[in-house]
């Protein structure tokens, strides 16, 4: 009897449990904490009013109704936690796997040191393709400071891009 009840609950929540297998348990916990913060009225659904309230707490007081409606419409229905997690899963699906991103950085690291010079990376990011702004570079270096020799650990950057958190020191 329990499996039927679980299946019914899954359907009522708007999806299957497969979305939970896309993330590590620690990531699911972080998303749950974020969901709880956004769900200001604690009804288990993120609504337009919840978004307005959470944005107001972050200092964005004049958000237009149309903008909030567009955010809510990104979901296929009411945004409960399963839908919220599914939305993150869909956004992350487009990201390349970690080994592909590391391989791209390895092209810039012919000596296979695992790092590249800050100045070299900054020049590439500010002069090629989708150029980084000065503010984006400041944010990058704040998140991934180079070591004392001016080297940047690109494997850590790749890990964070694909896992969303810093790798713990081993």
C-alpha atoms as a PDB file:
ATOM      1  CA  UNK A   1       0.000   0.000   0.000  1.00  0.00           C
ATOM      2  CA  UNK A   2       2.856   2.386   0.735  1.00  0.00           C
ATOM      3  CA  UNK A   3       4.240   2.340  -2.847  1.00  0.00           C
ATOM      4  CA  UNK A   4       0.863   3.440  -4.274  1.00  0.00           C
ATOM      5  CA  UNK A   5       0.691   6.273  -1.767  1.00  0.00           C
ATOM      6  CA  UNK A   6       4.225   7.391  -2.685  1.00  0.00           C
ATOM      7  CA  UNK A   7       3.380   7.261  -6.390  1.00  0.00           C
ATOM      8  CA  UNK A   8       0.246   9.333  -5.870  1.00  0.00           C
ATOM      9  CA  UNK A   9       2.193  11.868  -3.824  1.00  0.00           C
ATOM     10  CA  UNK A  10       4.850  12.058  -6.555  1.00  0.00           C
ATOM     11  CA  UNK A  11       2.225  12.786  -9.189  1.00  0.00           C
ATOM     12  CA  UNK A  12       0.577  15.371  -6.972  1.00  0.00           C
ATOM     13  CA  UNK A  13       3.922  17.096  -6.465  1.00  0.00           C
ATOM     14  CA  UNK A  14       4.296  17.519 -10.204  1.00  0.00           C
ATOM     15  CA  UNK A  15       6.971  15.068 -11.267  1.00  0.00           C
ATOM     16  CA  UNK A  16       8.934  11.954 -10.619  1.00  0.00           C
ATOM     17  CA  UNK A  17      11.705  11.433  -8.126  1.00  0.00           C
ATOM     18  CA  UNK A  18      14.248  11.182 -10.970  1.00  0.00           C
ATOM     19  CA  UNK A  19      15.042  14.854 -10.502  1.00  0.00           C
ATOM     20  CA  UNK A  20      16.455  14.021  -7.066  1.00  0.00           C
ATOM     21  CA  UNK A  21      18.964  11.617  -8.622  1.00  0.00           C
ATOM     22  CA  UNK A  22      20.443  14.500 -10.657  1.00  0.00           C
ATOM     23  CA  UNK A  23      21.876  16.110  -7.530  1.00  0.00           C
ATOM     24  CA  UNK A  24      24.006  15.096  -4.574  1.00  0.00           C
ATOM     25  CA  UNK A  25      22.243  15.083  -1.208  1.00  0.00           C
ATOM     26  CA  UNK A  26      24.153  18.179  -0.073  1.00  0.00           C
ATOM     27  CA  UNK A  27      23.017  20.061  -3.183  1.00  0.00           C
ATOM     28  CA  UNK A  28      19.389  19.053  -2.602  1.00  0.00           C
ATOM     29  CA  UNK A  29      19.678  20.371   0.954  1.00  0.00           C
ATOM     30  CA  UNK A  30      21.057  23.695  -0.309  1.00  0.00           C
ATOM     31  CA  UNK A  31      18.232  24.005  -2.840  1.00  0.00           C
ATOM     32  CA  UNK A  32      15.710  23.172  -0.109  1.00  0.00           C
ATOM     33  CA  UNK A  33      17.131  25.960   2.045  1.00  0.00           C
ATOM     34  CA  UNK A  34      16.914  28.380  -0.892  1.00  0.00           C
ATOM     35  CA  UNK A  35      13.345  27.263  -1.608  1.00  0.00           C
ATOM     36  CA  UNK A  36      12.387  27.843   2.020  1.00  0.00           C
ATOM     37  CA  UNK A  37      13.857  31.352   1.928  1.00  0.00           C
ATOM     38  CA  UNK A  38      11.984  32.214  -1.266  1.00  0.00           C
ATOM     39  CA  UNK A  39       8.691  30.681  -0.046  1.00  0.00           C
ATOM     40  CA  UNK A  40       8.075  33.656   2.236  1.00  0.00           C
ATOM     41  CA  UNK A  41       4.540  32.670   3.281  1.00  0.00           C
ATOM     42  CA  UNK A  42       5.613  29.035   3.956  1.00  0.00           C
ATOM     43  CA  UNK A  43       2.749  27.469   1.970  1.00  0.00           C
ATOM     44  CA  UNK A  44       5.032  25.121  -0.018  1.00  0.00           C
ATOM     45  CA  UNK A  45       4.527  27.027  -3.291  1.00  0.00           C
ATOM     46  CA  UNK A  46       6.613  29.898  -4.657  1.00  0.00           C
ATOM     47  CA  UNK A  47       4.196  32.560  -5.843  1.00  0.00           C
ATOM     48  CA  UNK A  48       4.547  35.985  -7.398  1.00  0.00           C
ATOM     49  CA  UNK A  49       4.064  37.528  -3.943  1.00  0.00           C
ATOM     50  CA  UNK A  50       6.818  35.312  -2.507  1.00  0.00           C
ATOM     51  CA  UNK A  51       9.180  36.504  -5.238  1.00  0.00           C
ATOM     52  CA  UNK A  52       8.241  40.140  -4.631  1.00  0.00           C
ATOM     53  CA  UNK A  53       8.857  39.745  -0.879  1.00  0.00           C
ATOM     54  CA  UNK A  54      12.220  37.981  -1.226  1.00  0.00           C
ATOM     55  CA  UNK A  55      13.416  40.511  -3.817  1.00  0.00           C
ATOM     56  CA  UNK A  56      12.367  43.325  -1.474  1.00  0.00           C
ATOM     57  CA  UNK A  57      14.488  41.808   1.307  1.00  0.00           C
ATOM     58  CA  UNK A  58      17.427  41.970  -1.111  1.00  0.00           C
ATOM     59  CA  UNK A  59      16.789  45.648  -1.841  1.00  0.00           C
ATOM     60  CA  UNK A  60      14.911  45.345  -5.140  1.00  0.00           C
ATOM     61  CA  UNK A  61      11.783  47.264  -4.267  1.00  0.00           C
ATOM     62  CA  UNK A  62      10.406  48.319  -7.654  1.00  0.00           C
ATOM     63  CA  UNK A  63      10.087  45.009  -9.492  1.00  0.00           C
ATOM     64  CA  UNK A  64       7.356  45.168 -12.123  1.00  0.00           C
ATOM     65  CA  UNK A  65       4.407  42.803 -11.973  1.00  0.00           C
ATOM     66  CA  UNK A  66       5.193  41.623 -15.524  1.00  0.00           C
ATOM     67  CA  UNK A  67       8.711  40.627 -14.475  1.00  0.00           C
ATOM     68  CA  UNK A  68       7.377  38.597 -11.556  1.00  0.00           C
ATOM     69  CA  UNK A  69       4.765  36.939 -13.775  1.00  0.00           C
ATOM     70  CA  UNK A  70       7.460  36.022 -16.302  1.00  0.00           C
ATOM     71  CA  UNK A  71       9.518  34.399 -13.527  1.00  0.00           C
ATOM     72  CA  UNK A  72       6.580  32.326 -12.299  1.00  0.00           C
ATOM     73  CA  UNK A  73       5.603  31.353 -15.868  1.00  0.00           C
ATOM     74  CA  UNK A  74       8.998  29.685 -16.373  1.00  0.00           C
ATOM     75  CA  UNK A  75       7.483  26.738 -14.493  1.00  0.00           C
ATOM     76  CA  UNK A  76       4.878  24.441 -15.996  1.00  0.00           C
ATOM     77  CA  UNK A  77       2.591  24.949 -12.989  1.00  0.00           C
ATOM     78  CA  UNK A  78       2.691  25.850  -9.300  1.00  0.00           C
ATOM     79  CA  UNK A  79       6.293  25.945  -8.088  1.00  0.00           C
ATOM     80  CA  UNK A  80       6.598  23.415  -5.294  1.00  0.00           C
ATOM     81  CA  UNK A  81       9.991  22.060  -4.257  1.00  0.00           C
ATOM     82  CA  UNK A  82      10.023  19.261  -6.859  1.00  0.00           C
ATOM     83  CA  UNK A  83       9.220  21.728  -9.654  1.00  0.00           C
ATOM     84  CA  UNK A  84      11.830  24.141  -8.257  1.00  0.00           C
ATOM     85  CA  UNK A  85      14.455  21.387  -8.287  1.00  0.00           C
ATOM     86  CA  UNK A  86      13.399  20.309 -11.794  1.00  0.00           C
ATOM     87  CA  UNK A  87      13.851  23.892 -13.018  1.00  0.00           C
ATOM     88  CA  UNK A  88      17.420  23.909 -11.679  1.00  0.00           C
ATOM     89  CA  UNK A  89      18.046  20.517 -13.278  1.00  0.00           C
ATOM     90  CA  UNK A  90      16.846  21.804 -16.644  1.00  0.00           C
ATOM     91  CA  UNK A  91      19.065  24.878 -16.387  1.00  0.00           C
ATOM     92  CA  UNK A  92      22.090  22.733 -15.512  1.00  0.00           C
ATOM     93  CA  UNK A  93      21.449  20.200 -18.289  1.00  0.00           C
ATOM     94  CA  UNK A  94      22.934  22.625 -20.782  1.00  0.00           C
ATOM     95  CA  UNK A  95      26.230  22.796 -18.901  1.00  0.00           C
ATOM     96  CA  UNK A  96      29.060  20.702 -20.255  1.00  0.00           C
ATOM     97  CA  UNK A  97      30.349  17.850 -18.082  1.00  0.00           C
ATOM     98  CA  UNK A  98      33.287  18.684 -15.828  1.00  0.00           C
ATOM     99  CA  UNK A  99      35.793  16.663 -17.877  1.00  0.00           C
ATOM    100  CA  UNK A 100      34.887  18.583 -21.052  1.00  0.00           C
ATOM    101  CA  UNK A 101      35.426  21.947 -19.346  1.00  0.00           C
ATOM    102  CA  UNK A 102      38.710  20.755 -17.784  1.00  0.00           C
ATOM    103  CA  UNK A 103      39.875  19.563 -21.224  1.00  0.00           C
ATOM    104  CA  UNK A 104      39.175  23.020 -22.632  1.00  0.00           C
ATOM    105  CA  UNK A 105      41.332  24.601 -19.907  1.00  0.00           C
ATOM    106  CA  UNK A 106      44.079  22.007 -20.487  1.00  0.00           C
ATOM    107  CA  UNK A 107      44.585  23.482 -23.958  1.00  0.00           C
ATOM    108  CA  UNK A 108      45.750  26.619 -22.141  1.00  0.00           C
ATOM    109  CA  UNK A 109      48.005  24.576 -19.833  1.00  0.00           C
ATOM    110  CA  UNK A 110      50.556  22.786 -22.059  1.00  0.00           C
ATOM    111  CA  UNK A 111      52.764  21.880 -19.066  1.00  0.00           C
ATOM    112  CA  UNK A 112      49.756  20.213 -17.343  1.00  0.00           C
ATOM    113  CA  UNK A 113      50.280  22.087 -14.074  1.00  0.00           C
ATOM    114  CA  UNK A 114      46.557  22.322 -13.274  1.00  0.00           C
ATOM    115  CA  UNK A 115      46.711  26.086 -13.233  1.00  0.00           C
ATOM    116  CA  UNK A 116      47.113  28.999 -15.608  1.00  0.00           C
ATOM    117  CA  UNK A 117      48.432  32.504 -15.114  1.00  0.00           C
ATOM    118  CA  UNK A 118      45.860  35.027 -13.922  1.00  0.00           C
ATOM    119  CA  UNK A 119      47.012  37.635 -16.440  1.00  0.00           C
ATOM    120  CA  UNK A 120      46.683  35.194 -19.356  1.00  0.00           C
ATOM    121  CA  UNK A 121      43.186  34.080 -18.343  1.00  0.00           C
ATOM    122  CA  UNK A 122      42.082  37.658 -17.742  1.00  0.00           C
ATOM    123  CA  UNK A 123      43.356  38.727 -21.165  1.00  0.00           C
ATOM    124  CA  UNK A 124      41.446  35.888 -22.843  1.00  0.00           C
ATOM    125  CA  UNK A 125      38.231  36.537 -20.943  1.00  0.00           C
ATOM    126  CA  UNK A 126      38.244  40.289 -21.583  1.00  0.00           C
ATOM    127  CA  UNK A 127      39.293  40.274 -25.249  1.00  0.00           C
ATOM    128  CA  UNK A 128      37.752  37.159 -26.821  1.00  0.00           C
ATOM    129  CA  UNK A 129      34.155  36.136 -27.712  1.00  0.00           C
ATOM    130  CA  UNK A 130      31.687  37.029 -24.929  1.00  0.00           C
ATOM    131  CA  UNK A 131      34.000  39.454 -23.178  1.00  0.00           C
ATOM    132  CA  UNK A 132      33.948  39.729 -19.402  1.00  0.00           C
ATOM    133  CA  UNK A 133      33.407  43.180 -17.909  1.00  0.00           C
ATOM    134  CA  UNK A 134      35.703  44.621 -15.247  1.00  0.00           C
ATOM    135  CA  UNK A 135      33.032  43.824 -12.646  1.00  0.00           C
ATOM    136  CA  UNK A 136      32.799  40.200 -13.825  1.00  0.00           C
ATOM    137  CA  UNK A 137      36.573  39.875 -13.558  1.00  0.00           C
ATOM    138  CA  UNK A 138      36.501  41.320 -10.041  1.00  0.00           C
ATOM    139  CA  UNK A 139      33.819  38.766  -9.118  1.00  0.00           C
ATOM    140  CA  UNK A 140      35.832  35.937 -10.687  1.00  0.00           C
ATOM    141  CA  UNK A 141      38.972  36.794  -8.735  1.00  0.00           C
ATOM    142  CA  UNK A 142      36.951  37.193  -5.536  1.00  0.00           C
ATOM    143  CA  UNK A 143      35.521  33.701  -6.006  1.00  0.00           C
ATOM    144  CA  UNK A 144      38.731  32.110  -7.301  1.00  0.00           C
ATOM    145  CA  UNK A 145      41.709  34.098  -6.035  1.00  0.00           C
ATOM    146  CA  UNK A 146      45.035  33.288  -7.676  1.00  0.00           C
ATOM    147  CA  UNK A 147      47.826  31.908  -5.527  1.00  0.00           C
ATOM    148  CA  UNK A 148      50.829  34.028  -4.499  1.00  0.00           C
ATOM    149  CA  UNK A 149      52.566  33.247  -7.807  1.00  0.00           C
ATOM    150  CA  UNK A 150      49.558  34.542  -9.785  1.00  0.00           C
ATOM    151  CA  UNK A 151      48.279  31.117 -10.854  1.00  0.00           C
ATOM    152  CA  UNK A 152      44.600  30.177 -11.037  1.00  0.00           C
ATOM    153  CA  UNK A 153      43.450  26.624 -10.213  1.00  0.00           C
ATOM    154  CA  UNK A 154      41.205  25.936 -13.209  1.00  0.00           C
ATOM    155  CA  UNK A 155      40.171  22.499 -11.964  1.00  0.00           C
ATOM    156  CA  UNK A 156      38.497  24.164  -8.985  1.00  0.00           C
ATOM    157  CA  UNK A 157      36.715  26.607 -11.316  1.00  0.00           C
ATOM    158  CA  UNK A 158      35.484  23.665 -13.414  1.00  0.00           C
ATOM    159  CA  UNK A 159      34.282  21.845 -10.324  1.00  0.00           C
ATOM    160  CA  UNK A 160      32.297  24.848  -9.138  1.00  0.00           C
ATOM    161  CA  UNK A 161      30.795  25.417 -12.601  1.00  0.00           C
ATOM    162  CA  UNK A 162      29.498  21.855 -12.718  1.00  0.00           C
ATOM    163  CA  UNK A 163      28.737  21.216  -9.026  1.00  0.00           C
ATOM    164  CA  UNK A 164      27.889  24.664  -7.732  1.00  0.00           C
ATOM    165  CA  UNK A 165      30.144  24.653  -4.694  1.00  0.00           C
ATOM    166  CA  UNK A 166      33.814  24.786  -3.856  1.00  0.00           C
ATOM    167  CA  UNK A 167      35.707  21.530  -3.652  1.00  0.00           C
ATOM    168  CA  UNK A 168      36.718  20.743  -0.110  1.00  0.00           C
ATOM    169  CA  UNK A 169      40.436  20.624   0.572  1.00  0.00           C
ATOM    170  CA  UNK A 170      41.769  17.086   0.488  1.00  0.00           C
END
